[in-house]
Amino acid sequence: MEAITLKYEVEPEDECLYPGGLTNIRAIVFNDGRKIGTIGGVSVDRQRIGANSFHAAFDEHSGDLEWVGCALLENRQGRTKLKSLLDGGDDPEFNFFLVDTFRIDADQSSDVATFALR
């Protein structure tokens, strides 16, 4: 039986408008102790970002994240603009994770990748 584990680190925050609102997380994925991939992204805690400030918070974080925030999220509560995601439910009380890097070795099963993302 495979033992999939993650070792992650939270990158330290610089001074920002909304501490804890946007947090960089990087993880290394292991299968039976052997490194098989990496996952990275930004954890978004909507409750820590002020109302009508999502675009400003994303812009402050990075240029890439500004684009994502303006294109995909409304400014008031950070809710999605995408109808396909709204249909599944998008409550501003729920946080989410934006994946910016994801790599699993090609010799690993898709089950490993699914587990790592969860």
PDB file of N, CA and C in Angstrom:
ATOM      1  N   MET A   1       0.828  -1.178   0.000  1.00  0.00           N
ATOM      2  CA  MET A   1       0.000   0.000   0.000  1.00  0.00           C
ATOM      3  C   MET A   1       0.875   1.244   0.000  1.00  0.00           C
ATOM      4  N   GLU A   2       0.537   2.200  -0.854  1.00  0.00           N
ATOM      5  CA  GLU A   2       1.296   3.433  -0.963  1.00  0.00           C
ATOM      6  C   GLU A   2       0.979   4.363   0.204  1.00  0.00           C
ATOM      7  N   ALA A   3       2.003   5.057   0.698  1.00  0.00           N
ATOM      8  CA  ALA A   3       1.812   6.043   1.760  1.00  0.00           C
ATOM      9  C   ALA A   3       2.110   7.422   1.172  1.00  0.00           C
ATOM     10  N   ILE A   4       1.061   8.157   0.827  1.00  0.00           N
ATOM     11  CA  ILE A   4       1.205   9.491   0.262  1.00  0.00           C
ATOM     12  C   ILE A   4       1.224  10.496   1.416  1.00  0.00           C
ATOM     13  N   THR A   5       2.265  11.317   1.450  1.00  0.00           N
ATOM     14  CA  THR A   5       2.369  12.334   2.486  1.00  0.00           C
ATOM     15  C   THR A   5       2.757  13.666   1.854  1.00  0.00           C
ATOM     16  N   LEU A   6       2.472  14.716   2.584  1.00  0.00           N
ATOM     17  CA  LEU A   6       2.839  16.063   2.157  1.00  0.00           C
ATOM     18  C   LEU A   6       3.668  16.725   3.238  1.00  0.00           C
ATOM     19  N   LYS A   7       4.658  17.454   2.815  1.00  0.00           N
ATOM     20  CA  LYS A   7       5.407  18.314   3.729  1.00  0.00           C
ATOM     21  C   LYS A   7       5.224  19.718   3.165  1.00  0.00           C
ATOM     22  N   TYR A   8       4.638  20.614   3.972  1.00  0.00           N
ATOM     23  CA  TYR A   8       4.372  21.938   3.425  1.00  0.00           C
ATOM     24  C   TYR A   8       4.977  23.026   4.288  1.00  0.00           C
ATOM     25  N   GLU A   9       5.140  24.181   3.662  1.00  0.00           N
ATOM     26  CA  GLU A   9       5.607  25.341   4.398  1.00  0.00           C
ATOM     27  C   GLU A   9       4.764  26.542   4.002  1.00  0.00           C
ATOM     28  N   VAL A  10       4.526  27.366   4.978  1.00  0.00           N
ATOM     29  CA  VAL A  10       3.803  28.608   4.766  1.00  0.00           C
ATOM     30  C   VAL A  10       4.856  29.698   4.644  1.00  0.00           C
ATOM     31  N   GLU A  11       4.832  30.398   3.522  1.00  0.00           N
ATOM     32  CA  GLU A  11       5.823  31.448   3.314  1.00  0.00           C
ATOM     33  C   GLU A  11       5.480  32.650   4.189  1.00  0.00           C
ATOM     34  N   PRO A  12       6.489  33.238   4.807  1.00  0.00           N
ATOM     35  CA  PRO A  12       6.221  34.374   5.691  1.00  0.00           C
ATOM     36  C   PRO A  12       5.596  35.539   4.922  1.00  0.00           C
ATOM     37  N   GLU A  13       4.681  36.221   5.595  1.00  0.00           N
ATOM     38  CA  GLU A  13       4.009  37.370   4.988  1.00  0.00           C
ATOM     39  C   GLU A  13       4.818  38.629   5.209  1.00  0.00           C
ATOM     40  N   ASP A  14       4.833  39.468   4.191  1.00  0.00           N
ATOM     41  CA  ASP A  14       5.331  40.822   4.380  1.00  0.00           C
ATOM     42  C   ASP A  14       4.177  41.622   4.967  1.00  0.00           C
ATOM     43  N   GLU A  15       4.440  42.841   5.338  1.00  0.00           N
ATOM     44  CA  GLU A  15       3.340  43.688   5.795  1.00  0.00           C
ATOM     45  C   GLU A  15       2.353  43.838   4.652  1.00  0.00           C
ATOM     46  N   CYS A  16       1.082  43.702   4.969  1.00  0.00           N
ATOM     47  CA  CYS A  16       0.066  43.801   3.929  1.00  0.00           C
ATOM     48  C   CYS A  16      -1.213  44.390   4.511  1.00  0.00           C
ATOM     49  N   LEU A  17      -2.121  44.741   3.619  1.00  0.00           N
ATOM     50  CA  LEU A  17      -3.387  45.355   4.036  1.00  0.00           C
ATOM     51  C   LEU A  17      -4.197  44.449   4.949  1.00  0.00           C
ATOM     52  N   TYR A  18      -4.249  43.165   4.609  1.00  0.00           N
ATOM     53  CA  TYR A  18      -5.105  42.219   5.328  1.00  0.00           C
ATOM     54  C   TYR A  18      -4.300  40.980   5.721  1.00  0.00           C
ATOM     55  N   PRO A  19      -3.576  41.041   6.850  1.00  0.00           N
ATOM     56  CA  PRO A  19      -2.758  39.895   7.280  1.00  0.00           C
ATOM     57  C   PRO A  19      -3.583  38.607   7.365  1.00  0.00           C
ATOM     58  N   GLY A  20      -3.045  37.540   6.793  1.00  0.00           N
ATOM     59  CA  GLY A  20      -3.720  36.246   6.808  1.00  0.00           C
ATOM     60  C   GLY A  20      -4.769  36.088   5.730  1.00  0.00           C
ATOM     61  N   GLY A  21      -5.032  37.137   4.971  1.00  0.00           N
ATOM     62  CA  GLY A  21      -6.026  37.043   3.907  1.00  0.00           C
ATOM     63  C   GLY A  21      -5.536  36.231   2.724  1.00  0.00           C
ATOM     64  N   LEU A  22      -4.275  36.425   2.359  1.00  0.00           N
ATOM     65  CA  LEU A  22      -3.659  35.696   1.247  1.00  0.00           C
ATOM     66  C   LEU A  22      -2.342  35.113   1.738  1.00  0.00           C
ATOM     67  N   THR A  23      -2.230  33.794   1.732  1.00  0.00           N
ATOM     68  CA  THR A  23      -1.056  33.120   2.281  1.00  0.00           C
ATOM     69  C   THR A  23      -0.467  32.166   1.250  1.00  0.00           C
ATOM     70  N   ASN A  24       0.811  32.349   0.930  1.00  0.00           N
ATOM     71  CA  ASN A  24       1.508  31.439   0.009  1.00  0.00           C
ATOM     72  C   ASN A  24       1.836  30.137   0.723  1.00  0.00           C
ATOM     73  N   ILE A  25       1.506  29.025   0.075  1.00  0.00           N
ATOM     74  CA  ILE A  25       1.800  27.701   0.628  1.00  0.00           C
ATOM     75  C   ILE A  25       2.482  26.872  -0.448  1.00  0.00           C
ATOM     76  N   ARG A  26       3.555  26.209  -0.084  1.00  0.00           N
ATOM     77  CA  ARG A  26       4.290  25.308  -0.978  1.00  0.00           C
ATOM     78  C   ARG A  26       4.357  23.942  -0.318  1.00  0.00           C
ATOM     79  N   ALA A  27       4.102  22.888  -1.088  1.00  0.00           N
ATOM     80  CA  ALA A  27       4.119  21.532  -0.532  1.00  0.00           C
ATOM     81  C   ALA A  27       4.940  20.608  -1.415  1.00  0.00           C
ATOM     82  N   ILE A  28       5.602  19.669  -0.780  1.00  0.00           N
ATOM     83  CA  ILE A  28       6.304  18.592  -1.478  1.00  0.00           C
ATOM     84  C   ILE A  28       5.497  17.326  -1.245  1.00  0.00           C
ATOM     85  N   VAL A  29       5.263  16.568  -2.300  1.00  0.00           N
ATOM     86  CA  VAL A  29       4.468  15.345  -2.228  1.00  0.00           C
ATOM     87  C   VAL A  29       5.420  14.151  -2.224  1.00  0.00           C
ATOM     88  N   PHE A  30       5.202  13.239  -1.281  1.00  0.00           N
ATOM     89  CA  PHE A  30       6.025  12.038  -1.160  1.00  0.00           C
ATOM     90  C   PHE A  30       5.158  10.792  -1.317  1.00  0.00           C
ATOM     91  N   ASN A  31       5.728   9.759  -1.910  1.00  0.00           N
ATOM     92  CA  ASN A  31       5.091   8.443  -1.993  1.00  0.00           C
ATOM     93  C   ASN A  31       6.073   7.457  -1.379  1.00  0.00           C
ATOM     94  N   ASP A  32       5.705   6.877  -0.259  1.00  0.00           N
ATOM     95  CA  ASP A  32       6.583   5.965   0.490  1.00  0.00           C
ATOM     96  C   ASP A  32       7.953   6.594   0.741  1.00  0.00           C
ATOM     97  N   GLY A  33       7.964   7.887   1.081  1.00  0.00           N
ATOM     98  CA  GLY A  33       9.201   8.580   1.430  1.00  0.00           C
ATOM     99  C   GLY A  33       9.975   9.150   0.259  1.00  0.00           C
ATOM    100  N   ARG A  34       9.555   8.871  -0.973  1.00  0.00           N
ATOM    101  CA  ARG A  34      10.262   9.370  -2.156  1.00  0.00           C
ATOM    102  C   ARG A  34       9.529  10.590  -2.713  1.00  0.00           C
ATOM    103  N   LYS A  35      10.281  11.667  -2.945  1.00  0.00           N
ATOM    104  CA  LYS A  35       9.671  12.882  -3.498  1.00  0.00           C
ATOM    105  C   LYS A  35       9.152  12.592  -4.899  1.00  0.00           C
ATOM    106  N   ILE A  36       7.848  12.893  -5.095  1.00  0.00           N
ATOM    107  CA  ILE A  36       7.244  12.625  -6.406  1.00  0.00           C
ATOM    108  C   ILE A  36       6.588  13.857  -7.024  1.00  0.00           C
ATOM    109  N   GLY A  37       6.595  14.979  -6.304  1.00  0.00           N
ATOM    110  CA  GLY A  37       5.981  16.154  -6.890  1.00  0.00           C
ATOM    111  C   GLY A  37       5.914  17.339  -5.955  1.00  0.00           C
ATOM    112  N   THR A  38       5.317  18.411  -6.472  1.00  0.00           N
ATOM    113  CA  THR A  38       5.151  19.631  -5.708  1.00  0.00           C
ATOM    114  C   THR A  38       3.793  20.266  -6.010  1.00  0.00           C
ATOM    115  N   ILE A  39       3.295  21.017  -5.051  1.00  0.00           N
ATOM    116  CA  ILE A  39       2.071  21.793  -5.212  1.00  0.00           C
ATOM    117  C   ILE A  39       2.333  23.153  -4.570  1.00  0.00           C
ATOM    118  N   GLY A  40       1.886  24.186  -5.227  1.00  0.00           N
ATOM    119  CA  GLY A  40       2.026  25.514  -4.654  1.00  0.00           C
ATOM    120  C   GLY A  40       0.824  26.369  -4.983  1.00  0.00           C
ATOM    121  N   GLY A  41       0.588  27.348  -4.152  1.00  0.00           N
ATOM    122  CA  GLY A  41      -0.518  28.245  -4.420  1.00  0.00           C
ATOM    123  C   GLY A  41      -0.750  29.227  -3.299  1.00  0.00           C
ATOM    124  N   VAL A  42      -1.929  29.835  -3.355  1.00  0.00           N
ATOM    125  CA  VAL A  42      -2.298  30.870  -2.400  1.00  0.00           C
ATOM    126  C   VAL A  42      -3.596  30.465  -1.712  1.00  0.00           C
ATOM    127  N   SER A  43      -3.553  30.409  -0.393  1.00  0.00           N
ATOM    128  CA  SER A  43      -4.746  30.171   0.401  1.00  0.00           C
ATOM    129  C   SER A  43      -5.444  31.515   0.593  1.00  0.00           C
ATOM    130  N   VAL A  44      -6.740  31.562   0.281  1.00  0.00           N
ATOM    131  CA  VAL A  44      -7.516  32.800   0.383  1.00  0.00           C
ATOM    132  C   VAL A  44      -8.519  32.657   1.534  1.00  0.00           C
ATOM    133  N   ASP A  45      -8.336  33.475   2.566  1.00  0.00           N
ATOM    134  CA  ASP A  45      -9.236  33.509   3.711  1.00  0.00           C
ATOM    135  C   ASP A  45     -10.120  34.747   3.538  1.00  0.00           C
ATOM    136  N   ARG A  46     -11.308  34.534   2.994  1.00  0.00           N
ATOM    137  CA  ARG A  46     -12.185  35.655   2.636  1.00  0.00           C
ATOM    138  C   ARG A  46     -12.591  36.508   3.839  1.00  0.00           C
ATOM    139  N   GLN A  47     -12.685  35.910   5.021  1.00  0.00           N
ATOM    140  CA  GLN A  47     -13.112  36.669   6.195  1.00  0.00           C
ATOM    141  C   GLN A  47     -12.062  37.687   6.644  1.00  0.00           C
ATOM    142  N   ARG A  48     -10.829  37.497   6.246  1.00  0.00           N
ATOM    143  CA  ARG A  48      -9.751  38.412   6.661  1.00  0.00           C
ATOM    144  C   ARG A  48      -9.556  39.574   5.694  1.00  0.00           C
ATOM    145  N   ILE A  49     -10.240  39.542   4.550  1.00  0.00           N
ATOM    146  CA  ILE A  49     -10.118  40.608   3.562  1.00  0.00           C
ATOM    147  C   ILE A  49     -11.360  41.491   3.679  1.00  0.00           C
ATOM    148  N   GLY A  50     -11.143  42.783   3.803  1.00  0.00           N
ATOM    149  CA  GLY A  50     -12.243  43.715   3.992  1.00  0.00           C
ATOM    150  C   GLY A  50     -13.212  43.749   2.822  1.00  0.00           C
ATOM    151  N   ALA A  51     -14.456  44.111   3.107  1.00  0.00           N
ATOM    152  CA  ALA A  51     -15.477  44.230   2.063  1.00  0.00           C
ATOM    153  C   ALA A  51     -15.035  45.257   1.030  1.00  0.00           C
ATOM    154  N   ASN A  52     -15.339  44.958  -0.220  1.00  0.00           N
ATOM    155  CA  ASN A  52     -14.997  45.825  -1.352  1.00  0.00           C
ATOM    156  C   ASN A  52     -13.493  46.036  -1.496  1.00  0.00           C
ATOM    157  N   SER A  53     -12.702  45.054  -1.080  1.00  0.00           N
ATOM    158  CA  SER A  53     -11.242  45.193  -1.113  1.00  0.00           C
ATOM    159  C   SER A  53     -10.529  44.017  -1.754  1.00  0.00           C
ATOM    160  N   PHE A  54     -11.256  43.100  -2.356  1.00  0.00           N
ATOM    161  CA  PHE A  54     -10.606  41.913  -2.902  1.00  0.00           C
ATOM    162  C   PHE A  54      -9.626  42.253  -4.016  1.00  0.00           C
ATOM    163  N   HIS A  55     -10.013  43.119  -4.915  1.00  0.00           N
ATOM    164  CA  HIS A  55      -9.112  43.462  -6.014  1.00  0.00           C
ATOM    165  C   HIS A  55      -7.848  44.139  -5.495  1.00  0.00           C
ATOM    166  N   ALA A  56      -7.988  45.033  -4.522  1.00  0.00           N
ATOM    167  CA  ALA A  56      -6.819  45.698  -3.942  1.00  0.00           C
ATOM    168  C   ALA A  56      -5.909  44.697  -3.229  1.00  0.00           C
ATOM    169  N   ALA A  57      -6.489  43.759  -2.482  1.00  0.00           N
ATOM    170  CA  ALA A  57      -5.685  42.763  -1.762  1.00  0.00           C
ATOM    171  C   ALA A  57      -4.940  41.858  -2.733  1.00  0.00           C
ATOM    172  N   PHE A  58      -5.610  41.446  -3.802  1.00  0.00           N
ATOM    173  CA  PHE A  58      -4.966  40.581  -4.793  1.00  0.00           C
ATOM    174  C   PHE A  58      -3.881  41.353  -5.538  1.00  0.00           C
ATOM    175  N   ASP A  59      -4.136  42.610  -5.857  1.00  0.00           N
ATOM    176  CA  ASP A  59      -3.148  43.452  -6.532  1.00  0.00           C
ATOM    177  C   ASP A  59      -1.919  43.638  -5.659  1.00  0.00           C
ATOM    178  N   GLU A  60      -2.130  43.869  -4.376  1.00  0.00           N
ATOM    179  CA  GLU A  60      -1.007  44.059  -3.458  1.00  0.00           C
ATOM    180  C   GLU A  60      -0.137  42.804  -3.389  1.00  0.00           C
ATOM    181  N   HIS A  61      -0.753  41.640  -3.477  1.00  0.00           N
ATOM    182  CA  HIS A  61      -0.021  40.372  -3.369  1.00  0.00           C
ATOM    183  C   HIS A  61       0.916  40.166  -4.555  1.00  0.00           C
ATOM    184  N   SER A  62       0.385  40.267  -5.781  1.00  0.00           N
ATOM    185  CA  SER A  62       1.223  40.084  -6.975  1.00  0.00           C
ATOM    186  C   SER A  62       0.442  40.461  -8.224  1.00  0.00           C
ATOM    187  N   GLY A  63       1.189  40.738  -9.289  1.00  0.00           N
ATOM    188  CA  GLY A  63       0.558  41.057 -10.565  1.00  0.00           C
ATOM    189  C   GLY A  63      -0.237  39.896 -11.121  1.00  0.00           C
ATOM    190  N   ASP A  64       0.284  38.682 -10.978  1.00  0.00           N
ATOM    191  CA  ASP A  64      -0.439  37.509 -11.469  1.00  0.00           C
ATOM    192  C   ASP A  64      -1.750  37.321 -10.711  1.00  0.00           C
ATOM    193  N   LEU A  65      -1.695  37.513  -9.413  1.00  0.00           N
ATOM    194  CA  LEU A  65      -2.902  37.324  -8.606  1.00  0.00           C
ATOM    195  C   LEU A  65      -3.915  38.443  -8.856  1.00  0.00           C
ATOM    196  N   GLU A  66      -3.422  39.640  -9.178  1.00  0.00           N
ATOM    197  CA  GLU A  66      -4.335  40.733  -9.515  1.00  0.00           C
ATOM    198  C   GLU A  66      -5.206  40.333 -10.703  1.00  0.00           C
ATOM    199  N   TRP A  67      -4.577  39.758 -11.718  1.00  0.00           N
ATOM    200  CA  TRP A  67      -5.325  39.337 -12.912  1.00  0.00           C
ATOM    201  C   TRP A  67      -6.389  38.311 -12.542  1.00  0.00           C
ATOM    202  N   VAL A  68      -6.025  37.329 -11.746  1.00  0.00           N
ATOM    203  CA  VAL A  68      -6.977  36.296 -11.327  1.00  0.00           C
ATOM    204  C   VAL A  68      -8.124  36.920 -10.549  1.00  0.00           C
ATOM    205  N   GLY A  69      -7.797  37.777  -9.601  1.00  0.00           N
ATOM    206  CA  GLY A  69      -8.827  38.402  -8.778  1.00  0.00           C
ATOM    207  C   GLY A  69      -9.806  39.227  -9.594  1.00  0.00           C
ATOM    208  N   CYS A  70      -9.285  40.041 -10.505  1.00  0.00           N
ATOM    209  CA  CYS A  70     -10.163  40.911 -11.308  1.00  0.00           C
ATOM    210  C   CYS A  70     -10.965  40.114 -12.334  1.00  0.00           C
ATOM    211  N   ALA A  71     -10.371  39.086 -12.899  1.00  0.00           N
ATOM    212  CA  ALA A  71     -11.052  38.306 -13.940  1.00  0.00           C
ATOM    213  C   ALA A  71     -12.080  37.334 -13.374  1.00  0.00           C
ATOM    214  N   LEU A  72     -11.806  36.748 -12.212  1.00  0.00           N
ATOM    215  CA  LEU A  72     -12.644  35.665 -11.714  1.00  0.00           C
ATOM    216  C   LEU A  72     -13.509  36.009 -10.505  1.00  0.00           C
ATOM    217  N   LEU A  73     -13.159  37.059  -9.763  1.00  0.00           N
ATOM    218  CA  LEU A  73     -13.855  37.334  -8.502  1.00  0.00           C
ATOM    219  C   LEU A  73     -14.462  38.734  -8.492  1.00  0.00           C
ATOM    220  N   GLU A  74     -15.600  38.857  -7.825  1.00  0.00           N
ATOM    221  CA  GLU A  74     -16.162  40.188  -7.637  1.00  0.00           C
ATOM    222  C   GLU A  74     -15.448  40.836  -6.451  1.00  0.00           C
ATOM    223  N   ASN A  75     -15.431  42.150  -6.421  1.00  0.00           N
ATOM    224  CA  ASN A  75     -14.641  42.888  -5.440  1.00  0.00           C
ATOM    225  C   ASN A  75     -15.247  42.890  -4.042  1.00  0.00           C
ATOM    226  N   ARG A  76     -16.554  42.801  -3.929  1.00  0.00           N
ATOM    227  CA  ARG A  76     -17.220  42.999  -2.638  1.00  0.00           C
ATOM    228  C   ARG A  76     -16.855  41.928  -1.609  1.00  0.00           C
ATOM    229  N   GLN A  77     -17.074  40.641  -1.945  1.00  0.00           N
ATOM    230  CA  GLN A  77     -16.821  39.548  -0.995  1.00  0.00           C
ATOM    231  C   GLN A  77     -15.935  38.451  -1.571  1.00  0.00           C
ATOM    232  N   GLY A  78     -15.388  38.674  -2.754  1.00  0.00           N
ATOM    233  CA  GLY A  78     -14.524  37.675  -3.360  1.00  0.00           C
ATOM    234  C   GLY A  78     -15.268  36.490  -3.936  1.00  0.00           C
ATOM    235  N   ARG A  79     -16.544  36.676  -4.243  1.00  0.00           N
ATOM    236  CA  ARG A  79     -17.324  35.586  -4.840  1.00  0.00           C
ATOM    237  C   ARG A  79     -16.962  35.453  -6.314  1.00  0.00           C
ATOM    238  N   THR A  80     -17.120  34.263  -6.847  1.00  0.00           N
ATOM    239  CA  THR A  80     -16.767  34.014  -8.237  1.00  0.00           C
ATOM    240  C   THR A  80     -17.728  34.713  -9.193  1.00  0.00           C
ATOM    241  N   LYS A  81     -17.198  35.085 -10.345  1.00  0.00           N
ATOM    242  CA  LYS A  81     -18.010  35.638 -11.423  1.00  0.00           C
ATOM    243  C   LYS A  81     -18.428  34.536 -12.400  1.00  0.00           C
ATOM    244  N   LEU A  82     -17.857  33.344 -12.245  1.00  0.00           N
ATOM    245  CA  LEU A  82     -18.094  32.251 -13.188  1.00  0.00           C
ATOM    246  C   LEU A  82     -19.388  31.517 -12.862  1.00  0.00           C
ATOM    247  N   LYS A  83     -20.314  31.520 -13.802  1.00  0.00           N
ATOM    248  CA  LYS A  83     -21.602  30.867 -13.594  1.00  0.00           C
ATOM    249  C   LYS A  83     -21.430  29.388 -13.245  1.00  0.00           C
ATOM    250  N   SER A  84     -20.476  28.730 -13.868  1.00  0.00           N
ATOM    251  CA  SER A  84     -20.279  27.299 -13.615  1.00  0.00           C
ATOM    252  C   SER A  84     -19.916  27.033 -12.153  1.00  0.00           C
ATOM    253  N   LEU A  85     -19.215  27.945 -11.512  1.00  0.00           N
ATOM    254  CA  LEU A  85     -18.878  27.777 -10.101  1.00  0.00           C
ATOM    255  C   LEU A  85     -19.993  28.269  -9.189  1.00  0.00           C
ATOM    256  N   LEU A  86     -20.720  29.295  -9.618  1.00  0.00           N
ATOM    257  CA  LEU A  86     -21.846  29.791  -8.813  1.00  0.00           C
ATOM    258  C   LEU A  86     -22.913  28.724  -8.641  1.00  0.00           C
ATOM    259  N   ASP A  87     -23.148  27.942  -9.706  1.00  0.00           N
ATOM    260  CA  ASP A  87     -24.166  26.894  -9.652  1.00  0.00           C
ATOM    261  C   ASP A  87     -23.864  25.860  -8.572  1.00  0.00           C
ATOM    262  N   GLY A  88     -22.589  25.642  -8.295  1.00  0.00           N
ATOM    263  CA  GLY A  88     -22.196  24.671  -7.268  1.00  0.00           C
ATOM    264  C   GLY A  88     -22.228  25.252  -5.866  1.00  0.00           C
ATOM    265  N   GLY A  89     -22.459  26.543  -5.757  1.00  0.00           N
ATOM    266  CA  GLY A  89     -22.488  27.201  -4.450  1.00  0.00           C
ATOM    267  C   GLY A  89     -21.180  27.912  -4.180  1.00  0.00           C
ATOM    268  N   ASP A  90     -21.258  29.183  -3.893  1.00  0.00           N
ATOM    269  CA  ASP A  90     -20.062  29.972  -3.596  1.00  0.00           C
ATOM    270  C   ASP A  90     -20.388  30.910  -2.448  1.00  0.00           C
ATOM    271  N   ASP A  91     -20.296  30.392  -1.251  1.00  0.00           N
ATOM    272  CA  ASP A  91     -20.606  31.153  -0.056  1.00  0.00           C
ATOM    273  C   ASP A  91     -19.368  31.923   0.380  1.00  0.00           C
ATOM    274  N   PRO A  92     -19.485  33.246   0.615  1.00  0.00           N
ATOM    275  CA  PRO A  92     -18.322  34.023   1.027  1.00  0.00           C
ATOM    276  C   PRO A  92     -17.712  33.585   2.356  1.00  0.00           C
ATOM    277  N   GLU A  93     -18.406  32.738   3.101  1.00  0.00           N
ATOM    278  CA  GLU A  93     -17.826  32.235   4.347  1.00  0.00           C
ATOM    279  C   GLU A  93     -16.772  31.165   4.098  1.00  0.00           C
ATOM    280  N   PHE A  94     -16.781  30.559   2.908  1.00  0.00           N
ATOM    281  CA  PHE A  94     -15.838  29.486   2.610  1.00  0.00           C
ATOM    282  C   PHE A  94     -14.558  30.049   2.006  1.00  0.00           C
ATOM    283  N   ASN A  95     -13.440  29.540   2.469  1.00  0.00           N
ATOM    284  CA  ASN A  95     -12.140  29.917   1.929  1.00  0.00           C
ATOM    285  C   ASN A  95     -11.818  29.013   0.755  1.00  0.00           C
ATOM    286  N   PHE A  96     -10.779  29.358   0.012  1.00  0.00           N
ATOM    287  CA  PHE A  96     -10.386  28.520  -1.112  1.00  0.00           C
ATOM    288  C   PHE A  96      -8.887  28.622  -1.341  1.00  0.00           C
ATOM    289  N   PHE A  97      -8.390  27.740  -2.198  1.00  0.00           N
ATOM    290  CA  PHE A  97      -6.965  27.659  -2.505  1.00  0.00           C
ATOM    291  C   PHE A  97      -6.793  27.784  -4.005  1.00  0.00           C
ATOM    292  N   LEU A  98      -5.985  28.755  -4.425  1.00  0.00           N
ATOM    293  CA  LEU A  98      -5.669  28.932  -5.846  1.00  0.00           C
ATOM    294  C   LEU A  98      -4.350  28.223  -6.135  1.00  0.00           C
ATOM    295  N   VAL A  99      -4.388  27.178  -6.925  1.00  0.00           N
ATOM    296  CA  VAL A  99      -3.188  26.413  -7.266  1.00  0.00           C
ATOM    297  C   VAL A  99      -2.442  27.145  -8.375  1.00  0.00           C
ATOM    298  N   ASP A 100      -1.149  27.421  -8.143  1.00  0.00           N
ATOM    299  CA  ASP A 100      -0.367  28.036  -9.211  1.00  0.00           C
ATOM    300  C   ASP A 100       0.702  27.100  -9.774  1.00  0.00           C
ATOM    301  N   THR A 101       1.077  26.078  -9.024  1.00  0.00           N
ATOM    302  CA  THR A 101       1.991  25.059  -9.548  1.00  0.00           C
ATOM    303  C   THR A 101       1.521  23.690  -9.068  1.00  0.00           C
ATOM    304  N   PHE A 102       1.588  22.723  -9.960  1.00  0.00           N
ATOM    305  CA  PHE A 102       1.192  21.355  -9.608  1.00  0.00           C
ATOM    306  C   PHE A 102       1.974  20.410 -10.507  1.00  0.00           C
ATOM    307  N   ARG A 103       2.778  19.564  -9.884  1.00  0.00           N
ATOM    308  CA  ARG A 103       3.564  18.604 -10.647  1.00  0.00           C
ATOM    309  C   ARG A 103       3.630  17.293  -9.891  1.00  0.00           C
ATOM    310  N   ILE A 104       3.237  16.229 -10.549  1.00  0.00           N
ATOM    311  CA  ILE A 104       3.367  14.877 -10.009  1.00  0.00           C
ATOM    312  C   ILE A 104       4.101  14.069 -11.082  1.00  0.00           C
ATOM    313  N   ASP A 105       5.098  13.284 -10.667  1.00  0.00           N
ATOM    314  CA  ASP A 105       5.860  12.477 -11.625  1.00  0.00           C
ATOM    315  C   ASP A 105       4.936  11.650 -12.507  1.00  0.00           C
ATOM    316  N   ALA A 106       5.304  11.526 -13.760  1.00  0.00           N
ATOM    317  CA  ALA A 106       4.477  10.822 -14.746  1.00  0.00           C
ATOM    318  C   ALA A 106       4.259   9.349 -14.400  1.00  0.00           C
ATOM    319  N   ASP A 107       5.172   8.740 -13.639  1.00  0.00           N
ATOM    320  CA  ASP A 107       5.015   7.319 -13.324  1.00  0.00           C
ATOM    321  C   ASP A 107       4.045   7.070 -12.165  1.00  0.00           C
ATOM    322  N   GLN A 108       3.437   8.120 -11.638  1.00  0.00           N
ATOM    323  CA  GLN A 108       2.477   7.979 -10.538  1.00  0.00           C
ATOM    324  C   GLN A 108       1.054   7.886 -11.090  1.00  0.00           C
ATOM    325  N   SER A 109       0.187   7.201 -10.373  1.00  0.00           N
ATOM    326  CA  SER A 109      -1.199   7.051 -10.822  1.00  0.00           C
ATOM    327  C   SER A 109      -1.971   8.343 -10.611  1.00  0.00           C
ATOM    328  N   SER A 110      -3.080   8.481 -11.315  1.00  0.00           N
ATOM    329  CA  SER A 110      -3.916   9.668 -11.144  1.00  0.00           C
ATOM    330  C   SER A 110      -4.505   9.713  -9.733  1.00  0.00           C
ATOM    331  N   ASP A 111      -4.634   8.568  -9.076  1.00  0.00           N
ATOM    332  CA  ASP A 111      -5.125   8.539  -7.697  1.00  0.00           C
ATOM    333  C   ASP A 111      -4.186   9.298  -6.760  1.00  0.00           C
ATOM    334  N   VAL A 112      -2.894   9.206  -7.030  1.00  0.00           N
ATOM    335  CA  VAL A 112      -1.904   9.911  -6.210  1.00  0.00           C
ATOM    336  C   VAL A 112      -2.098  11.419  -6.366  1.00  0.00           C
ATOM    337  N   ALA A 113      -2.276  11.879  -7.598  1.00  0.00           N
ATOM    338  CA  ALA A 113      -2.474  13.310  -7.849  1.00  0.00           C
ATOM    339  C   ALA A 113      -3.756  13.804  -7.176  1.00  0.00           C
ATOM    340  N   THR A 114      -4.816  13.022  -7.269  1.00  0.00           N
ATOM    341  CA  THR A 114      -6.085  13.383  -6.635  1.00  0.00           C
ATOM    342  C   THR A 114      -5.922  13.497  -5.127  1.00  0.00           C
ATOM    343  N   PHE A 115      -5.261  12.514  -4.537  1.00  0.00           N
ATOM    344  CA  PHE A 115      -5.041  12.532  -3.085  1.00  0.00           C
ATOM    345  C   PHE A 115      -4.229  13.763  -2.678  1.00  0.00           C
ATOM    346  N   ALA A 116      -3.191  14.070  -3.444  1.00  0.00           N
ATOM    347  CA  ALA A 116      -2.315  15.192  -3.111  1.00  0.00           C
ATOM    348  C   ALA A 116      -3.091  16.511  -3.129  1.00  0.00           C
ATOM    349  N   LEU A 117      -3.981  16.679  -4.072  1.00  0.00           N
ATOM    350  CA  LEU A 117      -4.760  17.907  -4.155  1.00  0.00           C
ATOM    351  C   LEU A 117      -5.754  18.044  -3.005  1.00  0.00           C
ATOM    352  N   ARG A 118      -6.306  16.942  -2.563  1.00  0.00           N
ATOM    353  CA  ARG A 118      -7.249  16.995  -1.447  1.00  0.00           C
ATOM    354  C   ARG A 118      -6.535  17.447  -0.206  1.00  0.00           C
TER     355      ARG A 118
END
